[in-house]
């Protein structure tokens, strides 16, 4: 008797990337996020590129990948609304609230998500959590406010550190910096997102509660599990 080897994380990402195609509306423009799981979706989307008008992308990296596969990319300002936005998450809870921003594209991701009627999250089951906060919370900040914002998180019990790339502060597609905050337990994501977004110098906090997932396609050892948060 042969035993099946468990699927790797990469294989799970491929599964959910392909499963997300069922939510793409033919003849329309699809919202596309950023990250390794989304890259699998973009690769799958290339197979039906003739059935869609194109995409609105949340990052330079995704835009380049879409264009390389022959998919037209529209500016968000050209689009009044999207029927669906498909993106990954660093964490997702039982209500569809997410932490995002590990790929540094959180602000643009939130903008594209706000245009969409439905947010389809694609993730492997390691991303499903009881409460948000184990993954360091990304916060995009205006550089001159970084230390002040870090101190405010410290007063809440968090430890904020500036994200670096090659020894220098990482610069986002928007020309800003990112703080990653450890040590938080985010038990009321809606209130938390609203609070942090009011702090001067915060561009976007990586809690997606106001733009939560409508559906999550979760890659598991048993295949793709659909979690419906729309009710």
Protein backbone atom coordinates (compact mmCIF):
# COMPACT_ATOMS: atom_id res chain seq x y z
CA UNK A 1 0.00 0.00 0.00
CA UNK A 2 1.44 3.37 -0.99
CA UNK A 3 0.89 6.45 1.13
CA UNK A 4 0.34 9.83 -0.48
CA UNK A 5 2.98 12.40 0.30
CA UNK A 6 1.44 15.54 1.82
CA UNK A 7 1.24 18.50 -0.53
CA UNK A 8 3.96 21.09 -0.13
CA UNK A 9 3.08 24.70 0.69
CA UNK A 10 3.94 25.59 -2.90
CA UNK A 11 1.54 22.93 -4.23
CA UNK A 12 -1.22 24.20 -1.92
CA UNK A 13 -0.68 27.72 -3.27
CA UNK A 14 -1.01 26.39 -6.83
CA UNK A 15 -4.29 24.63 -5.91
CA UNK A 16 -5.93 27.73 -4.45
CA UNK A 17 -4.58 29.92 -7.24
CA UNK A 18 -6.33 27.71 -9.77
CA UNK A 19 -9.50 27.45 -7.65
CA UNK A 20 -9.82 31.26 -7.64
CA UNK A 21 -10.45 31.25 -11.40
CA UNK A 22 -14.09 30.27 -10.72
CA UNK A 23 -14.64 33.73 -9.16
CA UNK A 24 -13.33 35.64 -12.18
CA UNK A 25 -16.22 37.19 -14.13
CA UNK A 26 -15.78 36.78 -17.91
CA UNK A 27 -15.76 40.04 -19.85
CA UNK A 28 -14.80 42.11 -16.80
CA UNK A 29 -11.66 43.54 -15.19
CA UNK A 30 -10.38 41.54 -12.22
CA UNK A 31 -8.61 42.96 -9.17
CA UNK A 32 -5.29 41.21 -8.56
CA UNK A 33 -3.23 41.33 -5.38
CA UNK A 34 0.42 40.65 -4.58
CA UNK A 35 2.55 37.80 -3.27
CA UNK A 36 3.65 34.23 -3.87
CA UNK A 37 0.13 32.76 -3.73
CA UNK A 38 -1.23 35.46 -6.04
CA UNK A 39 1.59 34.70 -8.48
CA UNK A 40 0.07 31.21 -8.83
CA UNK A 41 -3.30 32.80 -9.54
CA UNK A 42 -1.78 35.15 -12.15
CA UNK A 43 -0.17 32.15 -13.87
CA UNK A 44 -3.55 30.37 -13.91
CA UNK A 45 -5.31 33.54 -15.10
CA UNK A 46 -3.10 33.57 -18.20
CA UNK A 47 -5.05 30.53 -19.40
CA UNK A 48 -8.28 32.56 -19.59
CA UNK A 49 -6.83 35.96 -20.48
CA UNK A 50 -8.90 36.11 -23.69
CA UNK A 51 -12.10 35.92 -21.59
CA UNK A 52 -11.38 39.04 -19.49
CA UNK A 53 -10.80 42.72 -20.26
CA UNK A 54 -7.75 42.82 -18.01
CA UNK A 55 -6.74 43.50 -14.43
CA UNK A 56 -6.20 46.22 -11.85
CA UNK A 57 -3.04 45.37 -9.94
CA UNK A 58 -1.95 46.22 -6.39
CA UNK A 59 1.80 46.34 -7.02
CA UNK A 60 4.52 46.97 -9.55
CA UNK A 61 5.60 43.32 -9.24
CA UNK A 62 2.13 41.97 -10.05
CA UNK A 63 1.73 44.48 -12.90
CA UNK A 64 4.97 43.27 -14.46
CA UNK A 65 3.94 39.62 -14.13
CA UNK A 66 0.49 40.27 -15.64
CA UNK A 67 1.90 42.23 -18.57
CA UNK A 68 4.55 39.56 -19.23
CA UNK A 69 1.71 37.04 -19.64
CA UNK A 70 -0.18 39.32 -22.05
CA UNK A 71 -2.87 40.51 -19.62
CA UNK A 72 -3.84 44.19 -19.94
CA UNK A 73 -3.40 46.22 -16.73
CA UNK A 74 -5.64 49.19 -15.97
CA UNK A 75 -4.97 52.06 -13.57
CA UNK A 76 -7.31 52.00 -10.55
CA UNK A 77 -8.50 55.50 -11.52
CA UNK A 78 -9.83 54.11 -14.81
CA UNK A 79 -12.18 51.72 -13.02
CA UNK A 80 -15.33 52.72 -11.12
CA UNK A 81 -15.87 49.29 -9.54
CA UNK A 82 -14.68 45.69 -9.67
CA UNK A 83 -16.81 42.60 -9.13
CA UNK A 84 -13.95 40.72 -7.48
CA UNK A 85 -10.50 41.23 -5.94
CA UNK A 86 -8.29 38.17 -5.45
CA UNK A 87 -5.38 38.34 -3.01
CA UNK A 88 -3.54 36.38 -0.36
CA UNK A 89 -3.14 37.05 3.37
CA UNK A 90 -0.48 36.69 6.03
CA UNK A 91 -3.20 35.81 8.56
CA UNK A 92 -6.97 35.35 8.36
CA UNK A 93 -9.36 34.76 11.27
CA UNK A 94 -12.75 33.05 11.56
CA UNK A 95 -14.62 36.20 10.52
CA UNK A 96 -12.56 36.95 7.40
CA UNK A 97 -10.48 39.72 8.97
CA UNK A 98 -6.89 39.62 7.73
CA UNK A 99 -3.37 40.84 8.35
CA UNK A 100 -1.65 41.73 5.07
CA UNK A 101 1.49 43.54 4.00
CA UNK A 102 4.25 40.94 4.19
CA UNK A 103 4.93 41.79 0.56
CA UNK A 104 4.94 45.54 1.30
CA UNK A 105 1.94 46.30 -0.97
CA UNK A 106 -0.71 46.79 1.74
CA UNK A 107 -1.80 50.32 0.79
CA UNK A 108 -2.44 49.55 -2.85
CA UNK A 109 -4.02 46.24 -1.88
CA UNK A 110 -6.49 48.06 0.36
CA UNK A 111 -7.28 50.58 -2.41
CA UNK A 112 -8.05 47.85 -4.95
CA UNK A 113 -10.01 45.86 -2.34
CA UNK A 114 -12.15 48.95 -1.69
CA UNK A 115 -13.13 49.02 -5.39
CA UNK A 116 -14.34 45.42 -5.32
CA UNK A 117 -17.75 43.99 -4.41
CA UNK A 118 -16.12 40.73 -3.27
CA UNK A 119 -12.71 39.95 -1.76
CA UNK A 120 -11.61 36.37 -2.43
CA UNK A 121 -8.69 35.46 -0.18
CA UNK A 122 -6.43 32.63 -1.33
CA UNK A 123 -4.18 31.09 1.32
CA UNK A 124 -2.80 27.85 2.68
CA UNK A 125 -4.17 26.58 5.98
CA UNK A 126 -1.13 27.81 7.95
CA UNK A 127 -2.56 31.34 7.57
CA UNK A 128 -5.82 30.58 9.45
CA UNK A 129 -5.59 31.84 13.06
CA UNK A 130 -7.80 32.25 16.12
CA UNK A 131 -6.76 35.87 16.67
CA UNK A 132 -4.71 38.22 14.50
CA UNK A 133 -1.29 39.33 15.69
CA UNK A 134 1.12 36.38 15.61
CA UNK A 135 2.40 37.56 12.23
CA UNK A 136 4.24 40.89 12.68
CA UNK A 137 1.74 43.60 11.73
CA UNK A 138 2.91 45.69 8.74
CA UNK A 139 2.18 49.42 8.94
CA UNK A 140 3.10 51.71 6.05
CA UNK A 141 4.29 55.04 7.44
CA UNK A 142 5.60 58.38 6.25
CA UNK A 143 9.33 58.21 7.14
CA UNK A 144 9.42 61.32 9.37
CA UNK A 145 6.75 59.77 11.63
CA UNK A 146 8.30 56.30 11.98
CA UNK A 147 9.86 56.71 15.44
CA UNK A 148 6.81 58.47 16.86
CA UNK A 149 4.52 55.70 15.60
CA UNK A 150 6.89 53.04 16.94
CA UNK A 151 6.65 54.64 20.40
CA UNK A 152 2.84 54.62 20.22
CA UNK A 153 2.89 50.90 19.48
CA UNK A 154 5.33 50.37 22.36
CA UNK A 155 2.79 52.03 24.67
CA UNK A 156 0.27 49.38 23.48
CA UNK A 157 2.68 46.55 24.28
CA UNK A 158 4.00 46.08 20.75
CA UNK A 159 7.56 46.15 19.45
CA UNK A 160 7.87 47.98 16.13
CA UNK A 161 10.92 47.66 13.90
CA UNK A 162 11.66 49.35 10.59
CA UNK A 163 11.63 46.88 7.68
CA UNK A 164 15.00 46.79 5.95
CA UNK A 165 16.14 45.66 2.53
CA UNK A 166 19.86 45.22 1.86
CA UNK A 167 20.61 47.04 5.11
CA UNK A 168 18.55 50.11 4.19
CA UNK A 169 14.92 51.00 5.01
CA UNK A 170 12.65 49.27 2.50
CA UNK A 171 10.90 51.80 0.26
CA UNK A 172 7.37 50.87 -0.84
CA UNK A 173 5.89 51.44 -4.30
CA UNK A 174 4.48 54.63 -2.75
CA UNK A 175 7.88 55.90 -1.56
CA UNK A 176 7.18 55.22 2.13
CA UNK A 177 8.59 52.96 4.86
CA UNK A 178 7.13 49.99 6.74
CA UNK A 179 7.10 49.20 10.44
CA UNK A 180 6.58 45.56 11.44
CA UNK A 181 4.96 45.29 14.87
CA UNK A 182 5.31 42.18 17.05
CA UNK A 183 3.60 41.35 20.32
CA UNK A 184 0.05 42.44 19.54
CA UNK A 185 -3.14 40.43 19.97
CA UNK A 186 -5.79 42.07 17.81
CA UNK A 187 -9.07 40.94 19.35
CA UNK A 188 -11.26 43.69 17.79
CA UNK A 189 -9.85 44.13 14.27
CA UNK A 190 -12.44 46.70 13.13
CA UNK A 191 -11.84 49.04 16.06
CA UNK A 192 -8.06 48.49 15.90
CA UNK A 193 -7.90 49.32 12.17
CA UNK A 194 -9.97 52.47 12.68
CA UNK A 195 -7.80 53.59 15.62
CA UNK A 196 -4.39 53.10 14.01
CA UNK A 197 -5.44 54.70 10.73
CA UNK A 198 -6.12 57.93 12.67
CA UNK A 199 -2.52 58.24 13.86
CA UNK A 200 -0.68 61.05 12.04
CA UNK A 201 1.92 59.60 9.69
CA UNK A 202 0.21 56.23 9.23
CA UNK A 203 -0.48 55.65 5.54
CA UNK A 204 -2.16 52.26 6.03
CA UNK A 205 -2.29 49.66 8.78
CA UNK A 206 -2.12 46.06 7.56
CA UNK A 207 -5.35 44.99 9.28
CA UNK A 208 -8.03 44.33 6.66
CA UNK A 209 -11.26 44.39 8.68
CA UNK A 210 -13.18 47.14 6.87
CA UNK A 211 -12.10 45.41 3.62
CA UNK A 212 -12.38 41.86 4.97
CA UNK A 213 -12.58 38.69 2.90
CA UNK A 214 -15.95 37.65 1.49
CA UNK A 215 -14.65 34.14 0.79
CA UNK A 216 -11.40 32.35 1.62
CA UNK A 217 -10.11 29.49 -0.51
CA UNK A 218 -7.92 27.59 1.92
CA UNK A 219 -5.40 25.05 0.70
CA UNK A 220 -5.51 22.00 2.99
CA UNK A 221 -4.19 18.44 2.90
CA UNK A 222 -7.73 17.43 1.87
CA UNK A 223 -7.82 19.92 -1.00
CA UNK A 224 -9.31 23.40 -1.29
CA UNK A 225 -11.71 24.31 1.52
CA UNK A 226 -14.10 27.23 0.95
CA UNK A 227 -14.80 29.50 3.94
CA UNK A 228 -17.75 31.83 3.29
CA UNK A 229 -17.76 35.04 5.37
CA UNK A 230 -20.49 36.82 3.42
CA UNK A 231 -23.34 35.89 5.76
